[in-house]
Amino acid sequence: MKKINCNENTSRKNKHMNIEDRKEIQDCLFHGMTFKDIAKRIGKDQTTVSKEVKKHLAKKESSVTRKNADNKPCPLLLKAPFVCNPCKKNRIYCPFEKQVYSANNAQAAYETLLSESREGIPLNKETFYEIDTIIKEGIKKGQRLYHIIQSNNLGISISTAYRHLHKGYLSVNKLDFPRVVKFKKRKQKRADSVPQSAKKERTYADFLSYIDENDISHWVEMDTVIGEIGGKVIVTFDFTFCNFMFGLLVDDKTSASVTKKVRSLKEYLVSNKTTFGLLLESSFHC
């Protein structure tokens, strides 16, 4: 049994649990550690650990053949850690129903769930032809596709039905769908390409290194809030250390307009002997 150390880093906090994490949980439960201490060890939140254990509980009947072996739940399982793993009693002669956490079983259940969620709803040949017949009959009656899917509980989304239509999988064709004939294919606008030279020494990692090297404790974050595409935008300045924010209205989201507005603000602040210690720039859509 390896030595338990609760002072591990938390670099894995936002990642999915793997078999190593689950084995750590199982090992820590046998040592009687709390969810809080286990969370510190594997770099997760204690709520995540609690949900993991509760979700993958395996119940086992008692092997005791005495009259008092009625397989009722053990009173100790009503509180954390909800499992028999850390129990020091003789489990062979325990009359209560057992609950255990197994890392291998939990990992197998997780992988099965992950595989099923990626596969989506499986359609075999018979089911597909049944759906095709229902859609065909509904279209002949003049019903909308959404109404056909919902009223017959077909178990597919409207986008899936349209995708099958465009690929020619259905018995009906585009001429049977007036709205499909009217609509033009949407144009996909390519995102603006940012040259690598413009990103040099301007990443978030560079920012973190800069504040660490210069011992900076607070800064101002500048964002661009976009409403209607092509319309006016709001350039916000968030003073994170004091929970204060203000915004400037800019005519359009171009570098020239934003630079002009920020420059005028800078001139005003300099004239009043006020400056930003550090300005962090980013943008998002809303």
Foldseek 3Di string as FASTA:
>chain_A
DDDDDQQDEQPCAPPDDALVLLVLLLVVVLVVDQLCSSCSRHNYHSVVSQCLLVVQKDKAQAPDPDPLLPQAADPVLVDPPNFCNNPPDDRNHDSYIGIGRDSVSSNVVVVVVVVDVVVADDDDPVLVVVLLVQQVVCLVVVHDPVCSCVVVVSRDDPVVVVVCQVVVNHPDHPVSPVVSVPDDDDDDDDDDDDDPVVCVCQDVVSVVVVCVVVVPDWFWEWEWEDDDAQAKIWIKIARPVVGDMDIDIFGHPDPVRVVVVVVVVQVVCVVVPHDTPHYHYDYDYD
